[in-house]
Amino acid sequence: MTAPHRPIWARTPNERRLSALYPERALARGREGEARLTCIVQDGGALDCDRVSETPGGFGAAAVRVARTFRHAPQLADGSNAIGTPVNLRVVFRIDDDPRGRG
């Protein structure tokens, strides 16, 4: 497998979508966290991902769900086909304490 390339995103999740995918138990306990995934770009730009790490536990499965909302561009920066390209993804879950940020 070659080294991961810098991804070119065709679609990323918005704040509302990220909030909807926040792990419910962690949110209820006021816990924040993150997970690192290693992914392969599939046909149509979808990502097939596996957990590498999660801190604290419980955020990995949610990060994989978030990864499903990303879409990679069909081509890499050099113009080659992106299918089969490895991508590292870090998904951070933070609680917004600013009431103006809630909708």
PDB file of N, CA and C in Angstrom:
ATOM      1  N   MET A   1       0.850  -1.182   0.000  1.00  0.00           N
ATOM      2  CA  MET A   1       0.000   0.000   0.000  1.00  0.00           C
ATOM      3  C   MET A   1       0.894   1.243   0.000  1.00  0.00           C
ATOM      4  N   THR A   2       0.536   2.217  -0.785  1.00  0.00           N
ATOM      5  CA  THR A   2       1.326   3.447  -0.849  1.00  0.00           C
ATOM      6  C   THR A   2       0.949   4.371   0.299  1.00  0.00           C
ATOM      7  N   ALA A   3       1.778   5.373   0.517  1.00  0.00           N
ATOM      8  CA  ALA A   3       1.516   6.340   1.586  1.00  0.00           C
ATOM      9  C   ALA A   3       0.254   7.139   1.262  1.00  0.00           C
ATOM     10  N   PRO A   4      -0.513   7.505   2.292  1.00  0.00           N
ATOM     11  CA  PRO A   4      -1.729   8.278   2.054  1.00  0.00           C
ATOM     12  C   PRO A   4      -1.434   9.627   1.384  1.00  0.00           C
ATOM     13  N   HIS A   5      -2.309  10.019   0.483  1.00  0.00           N
ATOM     14  CA  HIS A   5      -2.227  11.306  -0.189  1.00  0.00           C
ATOM     15  C   HIS A   5      -3.071  12.320   0.577  1.00  0.00           C
ATOM     16  N   ARG A   6      -2.812  13.585   0.322  1.00  0.00           N
ATOM     17  CA  ARG A   6      -3.653  14.625   0.895  1.00  0.00           C
ATOM     18  C   ARG A   6      -5.010  14.554   0.181  1.00  0.00           C
ATOM     19  N   PRO A   7      -6.083  14.356   0.940  1.00  0.00           N
ATOM     20  CA  PRO A   7      -7.390  14.195   0.292  1.00  0.00           C
ATOM     21  C   PRO A   7      -7.899  15.475  -0.360  1.00  0.00           C
ATOM     22  N   ILE A   8      -8.675  15.284  -1.403  1.00  0.00           N
ATOM     23  CA  ILE A   8      -9.383  16.390  -2.062  1.00  0.00           C
ATOM     24  C   ILE A   8     -10.860  16.088  -1.878  1.00  0.00           C
ATOM     25  N   TRP A   9     -11.504  16.813  -0.976  1.00  0.00           N
ATOM     26  CA  TRP A   9     -12.898  16.505  -0.631  1.00  0.00           C
ATOM     27  C   TRP A   9     -13.872  17.137  -1.603  1.00  0.00           C
ATOM     28  N   ALA A  10     -14.781  16.319  -2.092  1.00  0.00           N
ATOM     29  CA  ALA A  10     -15.900  16.800  -2.909  1.00  0.00           C
ATOM     30  C   ALA A  10     -17.076  17.147  -1.999  1.00  0.00           C
ATOM     31  N   ARG A  11     -17.141  16.476  -0.810  1.00  0.00           N
ATOM     32  CA  ARG A  11     -18.209  16.752   0.157  1.00  0.00           C
ATOM     33  C   ARG A  11     -17.710  16.402   1.550  1.00  0.00           C
ATOM     34  N   THR A  12     -17.991  17.291   2.485  1.00  0.00           N
ATOM     35  CA  THR A  12     -17.684  17.051   3.896  1.00  0.00           C
ATOM     36  C   THR A  12     -18.946  17.318   4.710  1.00  0.00           C
ATOM     37  N   PRO A  13     -19.056  16.693   5.877  1.00  0.00           N
ATOM     38  CA  PRO A  13     -20.262  16.911   6.692  1.00  0.00           C
ATOM     39  C   PRO A  13     -20.290  18.319   7.276  1.00  0.00           C
ATOM     40  N   ASN A  14     -21.481  18.903   7.356  1.00  0.00           N
ATOM     41  CA  ASN A  14     -21.628  20.212   7.978  1.00  0.00           C
ATOM     42  C   ASN A  14     -21.784  20.042   9.494  1.00  0.00           C
ATOM     43  N   GLU A  15     -21.792  21.144  10.209  1.00  0.00           N
ATOM     44  CA  GLU A  15     -21.879  21.108  11.679  1.00  0.00           C
ATOM     45  C   GLU A  15     -23.130  20.378  12.158  1.00  0.00           C
ATOM     46  N   ARG A  16     -24.235  20.587  11.486  1.00  0.00           N
ATOM     47  CA  ARG A  16     -25.497  19.949  11.891  1.00  0.00           C
ATOM     48  C   ARG A  16     -25.396  18.430  11.778  1.00  0.00           C
ATOM     49  N   ARG A  17     -24.792  17.962  10.688  1.00  0.00           N
ATOM     50  CA  ARG A  17     -24.631  16.531  10.469  1.00  0.00           C
ATOM     51  C   ARG A  17     -23.681  15.939  11.509  1.00  0.00           C
ATOM     52  N   LEU A  18     -22.587  16.652  11.796  1.00  0.00           N
ATOM     53  CA  LEU A  18     -21.649  16.184  12.818  1.00  0.00           C
ATOM     54  C   LEU A  18     -22.325  16.091  14.182  1.00  0.00           C
ATOM     55  N   SER A  19     -23.141  17.075  14.508  1.00  0.00           N
ATOM     56  CA  SER A  19     -23.855  17.054  15.789  1.00  0.00           C
ATOM     57  C   SER A  19     -24.790  15.853  15.879  1.00  0.00           C
ATOM     58  N   ALA A  20     -25.455  15.532  14.776  1.00  0.00           N
ATOM     59  CA  ALA A  20     -26.384  14.410  14.760  1.00  0.00           C
ATOM     60  C   ALA A  20     -25.661  13.072  14.945  1.00  0.00           C
ATOM     61  N   LEU A  21     -24.385  13.007  14.582  1.00  0.00           N
ATOM     62  CA  LEU A  21     -23.622  11.765  14.675  1.00  0.00           C
ATOM     63  C   LEU A  21     -22.772  11.672  15.942  1.00  0.00           C
ATOM     64  N   TYR A  22     -22.867  12.688  16.810  1.00  0.00           N
ATOM     65  CA  TYR A  22     -22.118  12.670  18.077  1.00  0.00           C
ATOM     66  C   TYR A  22     -22.607  11.482  18.910  1.00  0.00           C
ATOM     67  N   PRO A  23     -21.714  10.703  19.490  1.00  0.00           N
ATOM     68  CA  PRO A  23     -22.158   9.553  20.298  1.00  0.00           C
ATOM     69  C   PRO A  23     -23.057  10.003  21.454  1.00  0.00           C
ATOM     70  N   GLU A  24     -24.283   9.480  21.524  1.00  0.00           N
ATOM     71  CA  GLU A  24     -25.276   9.939  22.506  1.00  0.00           C
ATOM     72  C   GLU A  24     -24.815   9.776  23.950  1.00  0.00           C
ATOM     73  N   ARG A  25     -24.213   8.636  24.272  1.00  0.00           N
ATOM     74  CA  ARG A  25     -23.761   8.416  25.654  1.00  0.00           C
ATOM     75  C   ARG A  25     -22.684   9.420  26.049  1.00  0.00           C
ATOM     76  N   ALA A  26     -21.768   9.690  25.127  1.00  0.00           N
ATOM     77  CA  ALA A  26     -20.702  10.661  25.412  1.00  0.00           C
ATOM     78  C   ALA A  26     -21.279  12.063  25.581  1.00  0.00           C
ATOM     79  N   LEU A  27     -22.234  12.419  24.737  1.00  0.00           N
ATOM     80  CA  LEU A  27     -22.859  13.735  24.827  1.00  0.00           C
ATOM     81  C   LEU A  27     -23.596  13.889  26.149  1.00  0.00           C
ATOM     82  N   ALA A  28     -24.326  12.851  26.552  1.00  0.00           N
ATOM     83  CA  ALA A  28     -25.065  12.896  27.812  1.00  0.00           C
ATOM     84  C   ALA A  28     -24.128  13.066  29.007  1.00  0.00           C
ATOM     85  N   ARG A  29     -22.922  12.550  28.882  1.00  0.00           N
ATOM     86  CA  ARG A  29     -21.933  12.654  29.965  1.00  0.00           C
ATOM     87  C   ARG A  29     -21.009  13.858  29.809  1.00  0.00           C
ATOM     88  N   GLY A  30     -21.219  14.642  28.746  1.00  0.00           N
ATOM     89  CA  GLY A  30     -20.382  15.815  28.516  1.00  0.00           C
ATOM     90  C   GLY A  30     -18.964  15.466  28.103  1.00  0.00           C
ATOM     91  N   ARG A  31     -18.791  14.310  27.457  1.00  0.00           N
ATOM     92  CA  ARG A  31     -17.461  13.854  27.062  1.00  0.00           C
ATOM     93  C   ARG A  31     -17.150  14.235  25.619  1.00  0.00           C
ATOM     94  N   GLU A  32     -15.914  14.673  25.416  1.00  0.00           N
ATOM     95  CA  GLU A  32     -15.414  14.962  24.079  1.00  0.00           C
ATOM     96  C   GLU A  32     -14.359  13.927  23.727  1.00  0.00           C
ATOM     97  N   GLY A  33     -14.065  13.781  22.450  1.00  0.00           N
ATOM     98  CA  GLY A  33     -13.059  12.811  22.048  1.00  0.00           C
ATOM     99  C   GLY A  33     -12.751  12.891  20.576  1.00  0.00           C
ATOM    100  N   GLU A  34     -11.974  11.938  20.118  1.00  0.00           N
ATOM    101  CA  GLU A  34     -11.612  11.885  18.707  1.00  0.00           C
ATOM    102  C   GLU A  34     -11.275  10.463  18.319  1.00  0.00           C
ATOM    103  N   ALA A  35     -11.235  10.237  17.025  1.00  0.00           N
ATOM    104  CA  ALA A  35     -10.842   8.940  16.499  1.00  0.00           C
ATOM    105  C   ALA A  35     -10.051   9.161  15.226  1.00  0.00           C
ATOM    106  N   ARG A  36      -9.121   8.267  14.998  1.00  0.00           N
ATOM    107  CA  ARG A  36      -8.331   8.273  13.761  1.00  0.00           C
ATOM    108  C   ARG A  36      -8.700   7.037  12.967  1.00  0.00           C
ATOM    109  N   LEU A  37      -8.906   7.254  11.666  1.00  0.00           N
ATOM    110  CA  LEU A  37      -9.303   6.186  10.763  1.00  0.00           C
ATOM    111  C   LEU A  37      -8.320   6.091   9.609  1.00  0.00           C
ATOM    112  N   THR A  38      -8.176   4.908   9.078  1.00  0.00           N
ATOM    113  CA  THR A  38      -7.465   4.738   7.824  1.00  0.00           C
ATOM    114  C   THR A  38      -8.508   4.273   6.821  1.00  0.00           C
ATOM    115  N   CYS A  39      -8.540   4.933   5.676  1.00  0.00           N
ATOM    116  CA  CYS A  39      -9.613   4.711   4.713  1.00  0.00           C
ATOM    117  C   CYS A  39      -9.046   4.463   3.316  1.00  0.00           C
ATOM    118  N   ILE A  40      -9.870   3.860   2.484  1.00  0.00           N
ATOM    119  CA  ILE A  40      -9.562   3.664   1.068  1.00  0.00           C
ATOM    120  C   ILE A  40     -10.696   4.295   0.270  1.00  0.00           C
ATOM    121  N   VAL A  41     -10.340   5.116  -0.726  1.00  0.00           N
ATOM    122  CA  VAL A  41     -11.349   5.752  -1.575  1.00  0.00           C
ATOM    123  C   VAL A  41     -11.961   4.697  -2.487  1.00  0.00           C
ATOM    124  N   GLN A  42     -13.281   4.645  -2.483  1.00  0.00           N
ATOM    125  CA  GLN A  42     -14.046   3.695  -3.292  1.00  0.00           C
ATOM    126  C   GLN A  42     -14.638   4.401  -4.511  1.00  0.00           C
ATOM    127  N   ASP A  43     -15.294   3.620  -5.350  1.00  0.00           N
ATOM    128  CA  ASP A  43     -15.998   4.171  -6.505  1.00  0.00           C
ATOM    129  C   ASP A  43     -17.007   5.210  -6.029  1.00  0.00           C
ATOM    130  N   GLY A  44     -17.103   6.330  -6.694  1.00  0.00           N
ATOM    131  CA  GLY A  44     -18.026   7.389  -6.318  1.00  0.00           C
ATOM    132  C   GLY A  44     -17.496   8.277  -5.205  1.00  0.00           C
ATOM    133  N   GLY A  45     -16.268   8.027  -4.746  1.00  0.00           N
ATOM    134  CA  GLY A  45     -15.664   8.874  -3.730  1.00  0.00           C
ATOM    135  C   GLY A  45     -15.962   8.476  -2.297  1.00  0.00           C
ATOM    136  N   ALA A  46     -16.782   7.438  -2.100  1.00  0.00           N
ATOM    137  CA  ALA A  46     -17.077   6.977  -0.742  1.00  0.00           C
ATOM    138  C   ALA A  46     -15.803   6.433  -0.104  1.00  0.00           C
ATOM    139  N   LEU A  47     -15.797   6.407   1.225  1.00  0.00           N
ATOM    140  CA  LEU A  47     -14.642   5.911   1.966  1.00  0.00           C
ATOM    141  C   LEU A  47     -14.972   4.596   2.653  1.00  0.00           C
ATOM    142  N   ASP A  48     -14.049   3.659   2.595  1.00  0.00           N
ATOM    143  CA  ASP A  48     -14.143   2.408   3.351  1.00  0.00           C
ATOM    144  C   ASP A  48     -13.087   2.519   4.442  1.00  0.00           C
ATOM    145  N   CYS A  49     -13.523   2.622   5.701  1.00  0.00           N
ATOM    146  CA  CYS A  49     -12.613   2.977   6.786  1.00  0.00           C
ATOM    147  C   CYS A  49     -12.551   1.930   7.887  1.00  0.00           C
ATOM    148  N   ASP A  50     -11.397   1.898   8.538  1.00  0.00           N
ATOM    149  CA  ASP A  50     -11.174   1.095   9.732  1.00  0.00           C
ATOM    150  C   ASP A  50     -10.639   2.011  10.819  1.00  0.00           C
ATOM    151  N   ARG A  51     -11.007   1.713  12.068  1.00  0.00           N
ATOM    152  CA  ARG A  51     -10.502   2.467  13.209  1.00  0.00           C
ATOM    153  C   ARG A  51      -9.028   2.176  13.425  1.00  0.00           C
ATOM    154  N   VAL A  52      -8.273   3.215  13.714  1.00  0.00           N
ATOM    155  CA  VAL A  52      -6.876   3.067  14.090  1.00  0.00           C
ATOM    156  C   VAL A  52      -6.754   3.318  15.585  1.00  0.00           C
ATOM    157  N   SER A  53      -7.407   4.395  16.048  1.00  0.00           N
ATOM    158  CA  SER A  53      -7.385   4.726  17.477  1.00  0.00           C
ATOM    159  C   SER A  53      -8.596   5.576  17.817  1.00  0.00           C
ATOM    160  N   GLU A  54      -8.927   5.589  19.111  1.00  0.00           N
ATOM    161  CA  GLU A  54     -10.015   6.439  19.610  1.00  0.00           C
ATOM    162  C   GLU A  54      -9.675   6.833  21.035  1.00  0.00           C
ATOM    163  N   THR A  55      -9.927   8.090  21.355  1.00  0.00           N
ATOM    164  CA  THR A  55      -9.624   8.623  22.682  1.00  0.00           C
ATOM    165  C   THR A  55     -10.760   9.526  23.128  1.00  0.00           C
ATOM    166  N   PRO A  56     -11.460   9.247  24.192  1.00  0.00           N
ATOM    167  CA  PRO A  56     -11.481   7.952  24.874  1.00  0.00           C
ATOM    168  C   PRO A  56     -12.266   6.950  24.036  1.00  0.00           C
ATOM    169  N   GLY A  57     -12.439   5.747  24.564  1.00  0.00           N
ATOM    170  CA  GLY A  57     -13.198   4.723  23.858  1.00  0.00           C
ATOM    171  C   GLY A  57     -14.633   5.168  23.598  1.00  0.00           C
ATOM    172  N   GLY A  58     -15.237   4.633  22.560  1.00  0.00           N
ATOM    173  CA  GLY A  58     -16.626   4.936  22.242  1.00  0.00           C
ATOM    174  C   GLY A  58     -16.797   5.900  21.082  1.00  0.00           C
ATOM    175  N   PHE A  59     -15.709   6.509  20.623  1.00  0.00           N
ATOM    176  CA  PHE A  59     -15.819   7.474  19.534  1.00  0.00           C
ATOM    177  C   PHE A  59     -15.495   6.865  18.166  1.00  0.00           C
ATOM    178  N   GLY A  60     -14.915   5.680  18.142  1.00  0.00           N
ATOM    179  CA  GLY A  60     -14.523   5.065  16.874  1.00  0.00           C
ATOM    180  C   GLY A  60     -15.685   4.743  15.961  1.00  0.00           C
ATOM    181  N   ALA A  61     -16.723   4.120  16.502  1.00  0.00           N
ATOM    182  CA  ALA A  61     -17.881   3.756  15.679  1.00  0.00           C
ATOM    183  C   ALA A  61     -18.565   5.011  15.126  1.00  0.00           C
ATOM    184  N   ALA A  62     -18.647   6.050  15.951  1.00  0.00           N
ATOM    185  CA  ALA A  62     -19.245   7.306  15.483  1.00  0.00           C
ATOM    186  C   ALA A  62     -18.387   7.932  14.383  1.00  0.00           C
ATOM    187  N   ALA A  63     -17.077   7.836  14.512  1.00  0.00           N
ATOM    188  CA  ALA A  63     -16.186   8.392  13.490  1.00  0.00           C
ATOM    189  C   ALA A  63     -16.359   7.666  12.161  1.00  0.00           C
ATOM    190  N   VAL A  64     -16.559   6.353  12.210  1.00  0.00           N
ATOM    191  CA  VAL A  64     -16.801   5.598  10.980  1.00  0.00           C
ATOM    192  C   VAL A  64     -18.111   6.062  10.336  1.00  0.00           C
ATOM    193  N   ARG A  65     -19.133   6.342  11.155  1.00  0.00           N
ATOM    194  CA  ARG A  65     -20.402   6.865  10.605  1.00  0.00           C
ATOM    195  C   ARG A  65     -20.182   8.241   9.971  1.00  0.00           C
ATOM    196  N   VAL A  66     -19.378   9.079  10.616  1.00  0.00           N
ATOM    197  CA  VAL A  66     -19.063  10.399  10.043  1.00  0.00           C
ATOM    198  C   VAL A  66     -18.334  10.223   8.707  1.00  0.00           C
ATOM    199  N   ALA A  67     -17.391   9.292   8.652  1.00  0.00           N
ATOM    200  CA  ALA A  67     -16.622   9.066   7.423  1.00  0.00           C
ATOM    201  C   ALA A  67     -17.523   8.720   6.241  1.00  0.00           C
ATOM    202  N   ARG A  68     -18.639   8.073   6.513  1.00  0.00           N
ATOM    203  CA  ARG A  68     -19.576   7.721   5.434  1.00  0.00           C
ATOM    204  C   ARG A  68     -20.203   8.961   4.788  1.00  0.00           C
ATOM    205  N   THR A  69     -20.141  10.106   5.438  1.00  0.00           N
ATOM    206  CA  THR A  69     -20.724  11.325   4.880  1.00  0.00           C
ATOM    207  C   THR A  69     -19.728  12.095   4.012  1.00  0.00           C
ATOM    208  N   PHE A  70     -18.449  11.714   4.044  1.00  0.00           N
ATOM    209  CA  PHE A  70     -17.431  12.348   3.201  1.00  0.00           C
ATOM    210  C   PHE A  70     -17.481  11.758   1.804  1.00  0.00           C
ATOM    211  N   ARG A  71     -17.115  12.554   0.814  1.00  0.00           N
ATOM    212  CA  ARG A  71     -16.913  12.075  -0.551  1.00  0.00           C
ATOM    213  C   ARG A  71     -15.615  12.683  -1.059  1.00  0.00           C
ATOM    214  N   HIS A  72     -14.765  11.823  -1.612  1.00  0.00           N
ATOM    215  CA  HIS A  72     -13.498  12.263  -2.181  1.00  0.00           C
ATOM    216  C   HIS A  72     -13.723  12.635  -3.637  1.00  0.00           C
ATOM    217  N   ALA A  73     -12.948  13.581  -4.120  1.00  0.00           N
ATOM    218  CA  ALA A  73     -13.011  13.948  -5.541  1.00  0.00           C
ATOM    219  C   ALA A  73     -12.597  12.731  -6.382  1.00  0.00           C
ATOM    220  N   PRO A  74     -13.066  12.654  -7.637  1.00  0.00           N
ATOM    221  CA  PRO A  74     -12.755  11.496  -8.477  1.00  0.00           C
ATOM    222  C   PRO A  74     -11.267  11.365  -8.826  1.00  0.00           C
ATOM    223  N   GLN A  75     -10.548  12.495  -8.760  1.00  0.00           N
ATOM    224  CA  GLN A  75      -9.137  12.466  -9.134  1.00  0.00           C
ATOM    225  C   GLN A  75      -8.278  13.073  -8.040  1.00  0.00           C
ATOM    226  N   LEU A  76      -7.011  12.669  -8.036  1.00  0.00           N
ATOM    227  CA  LEU A  76      -6.017  13.242  -7.134  1.00  0.00           C
ATOM    228  C   LEU A  76      -5.452  14.515  -7.750  1.00  0.00           C
ATOM    229  N   ALA A  77      -4.635  15.223  -7.015  1.00  0.00           N
ATOM    230  CA  ALA A  77      -4.052  16.484  -7.486  1.00  0.00           C
ATOM    231  C   ALA A  77      -3.251  16.296  -8.777  1.00  0.00           C
ATOM    232  N   ASP A  78      -2.645  15.119  -8.948  1.00  0.00           N
ATOM    233  CA  ASP A  78      -1.847  14.869 -10.155  1.00  0.00           C
ATOM    234  C   ASP A  78      -2.699  14.403 -11.337  1.00  0.00           C
ATOM    235  N   GLY A  79      -4.029  14.331 -11.146  1.00  0.00           N
ATOM    236  CA  GLY A  79      -4.940  13.943 -12.216  1.00  0.00           C
ATOM    237  C   GLY A  79      -5.217  12.455 -12.289  1.00  0.00           C
ATOM    238  N   SER A  80      -4.547  11.654 -11.465  1.00  0.00           N
ATOM    239  CA  SER A  80      -4.780  10.209 -11.496  1.00  0.00           C
ATOM    240  C   SER A  80      -6.074   9.865 -10.761  1.00  0.00           C
ATOM    241  N   ASN A  81      -6.596   8.689 -11.061  1.00  0.00           N
ATOM    242  CA  ASN A  81      -7.841   8.213 -10.477  1.00  0.00           C
ATOM    243  C   ASN A  81      -7.674   8.031  -8.969  1.00  0.00           C
ATOM    244  N   ALA A  82      -8.639   8.498  -8.191  1.00  0.00           N
ATOM    245  CA  ALA A  82      -8.554   8.431  -6.729  1.00  0.00           C
ATOM    246  C   ALA A  82      -8.975   7.076  -6.165  1.00  0.00           C
ATOM    247  N   ILE A  83      -9.674   6.239  -6.934  1.00  0.00           N
ATOM    248  CA  ILE A  83     -10.151   4.955  -6.420  1.00  0.00           C
ATOM    249  C   ILE A  83      -8.965   4.109  -5.969  1.00  0.00           C
ATOM    250  N   GLY A  84      -9.066   3.584  -4.744  1.00  0.00           N
ATOM    251  CA  GLY A  84      -8.004   2.757  -4.190  1.00  0.00           C
ATOM    252  C   GLY A  84      -6.957   3.533  -3.413  1.00  0.00           C
ATOM    253  N   THR A  85      -7.094   4.849  -3.385  1.00  0.00           N
ATOM    254  CA  THR A  85      -6.125   5.689  -2.688  1.00  0.00           C
ATOM    255  C   THR A  85      -6.345   5.627  -1.177  1.00  0.00           C
ATOM    256  N   PRO A  86      -5.276   5.427  -0.401  1.00  0.00           N
ATOM    257  CA  PRO A  86      -5.413   5.463   1.059  1.00  0.00           C
ATOM    258  C   PRO A  86      -5.522   6.897   1.565  1.00  0.00           C
ATOM    259  N   VAL A  87      -6.364   7.091   2.573  1.00  0.00           N
ATOM    260  CA  VAL A  87      -6.574   8.403   3.182  1.00  0.00           C
ATOM    261  C   VAL A  87      -6.643   8.218   4.697  1.00  0.00           C
ATOM    262  N   ASN A  88      -5.926   9.041   5.428  1.00  0.00           N
ATOM    263  CA  ASN A  88      -6.048   9.062   6.889  1.00  0.00           C
ATOM    264  C   ASN A  88      -7.064  10.129   7.254  1.00  0.00           C
ATOM    265  N   LEU A  89      -7.941   9.817   8.184  1.00  0.00           N
ATOM    266  CA  LEU A  89      -8.996  10.751   8.588  1.00  0.00           C
ATOM    267  C   LEU A  89      -9.020  10.854  10.107  1.00  0.00           C
ATOM    268  N   ARG A  90      -9.006  12.069  10.607  1.00  0.00           N
ATOM    269  CA  ARG A  90      -9.130  12.331  12.041  1.00  0.00           C
ATOM    270  C   ARG A  90     -10.467  13.021  12.259  1.00  0.00           C
ATOM    271  N   VAL A  91     -11.310  12.413  13.084  1.00  0.00           N
ATOM    272  CA  VAL A  91     -12.631  12.975  13.377  1.00  0.00           C
ATOM    273  C   VAL A  91     -12.632  13.419  14.838  1.00  0.00           C
ATOM    274  N   VAL A  92     -12.886  14.705  15.056  1.00  0.00           N
ATOM    275  CA  VAL A  92     -12.870  15.285  16.400  1.00  0.00           C
ATOM    276  C   VAL A  92     -14.300  15.613  16.807  1.00  0.00           C
ATOM    277  N   PHE A  93     -14.660  15.194  18.005  1.00  0.00           N
ATOM    278  CA  PHE A  93     -15.993  15.458  18.555  1.00  0.00           C
ATOM    279  C   PHE A  93     -15.835  16.457  19.699  1.00  0.00           C
ATOM    280  N   ARG A  94     -16.413  17.635  19.529  1.00  0.00           N
ATOM    281  CA  ARG A  94     -16.370  18.685  20.545  1.00  0.00           C
ATOM    282  C   ARG A  94     -17.787  19.164  20.822  1.00  0.00           C
ATOM    283  N   ILE A  95     -18.039  19.479  22.085  1.00  0.00           N
ATOM    284  CA  ILE A  95     -19.348  20.005  22.480  1.00  0.00           C
ATOM    285  C   ILE A  95     -19.294  21.514  22.377  1.00  0.00           C
ATOM    286  N   ASP A  96     -20.257  22.086  21.670  1.00  0.00           N
ATOM    287  CA  ASP A  96     -20.324  23.540  21.490  1.00  0.00           C
ATOM    288  C   ASP A  96     -21.007  24.154  22.701  1.00  0.00           C
ATOM    289  N   ASP A  97     -20.240  24.891  23.496  1.00  0.00           N
ATOM    290  CA  ASP A  97     -20.792  25.548  24.684  1.00  0.00           C
ATOM    291  C   ASP A  97     -21.403  26.908  24.372  1.00  0.00           C
ATOM    292  N   ASP A  98     -21.236  27.380  23.153  1.00  0.00           N
ATOM    293  CA  ASP A  98     -21.739  28.692  22.760  1.00  0.00           C
ATOM    294  C   ASP A  98     -23.199  28.557  22.319  1.00  0.00           C
ATOM    295  N   PRO A  99     -24.153  29.124  23.080  1.00  0.00           N
ATOM    296  CA  PRO A  99     -25.566  28.986  22.699  1.00  0.00           C
ATOM    297  C   PRO A  99     -25.876  29.563  21.323  1.00  0.00           C
ATOM    298  N   ARG A 100     -25.058  30.489  20.834  1.00  0.00           N
ATOM    299  CA  ARG A 100     -25.292  31.041  19.501  1.00  0.00           C
ATOM    300  C   ARG A 100     -24.998  30.005  18.423  1.00  0.00           C
ATOM    301  N   GLY A 101     -24.185  28.948  18.776  1.00  0.00           N
ATOM    302  CA  GLY A 101     -23.825  27.923  17.805  1.00  0.00           C
ATOM    303  C   GLY A 101     -24.883  26.852  17.669  1.00  0.00           C
ATOM    304  N   ARG A 102     -25.907  26.905  18.479  1.00  0.00           N
ATOM    305  CA  ARG A 102     -26.970  25.887  18.412  1.00  0.00           C
ATOM    306  C   ARG A 102     -28.114  26.386  17.538  1.00  0.00           C
ATOM    307  N   GLY A 103     -28.647  25.463  16.766  1.00  0.00           N
ATOM    308  CA  GLY A 103     -29.708  25.903  15.885  1.00  0.00           C
ATOM    309  C   GLY A 103     -30.852  25.070  16.025  1.00  0.00           C
TER     310      GLY A 103
END
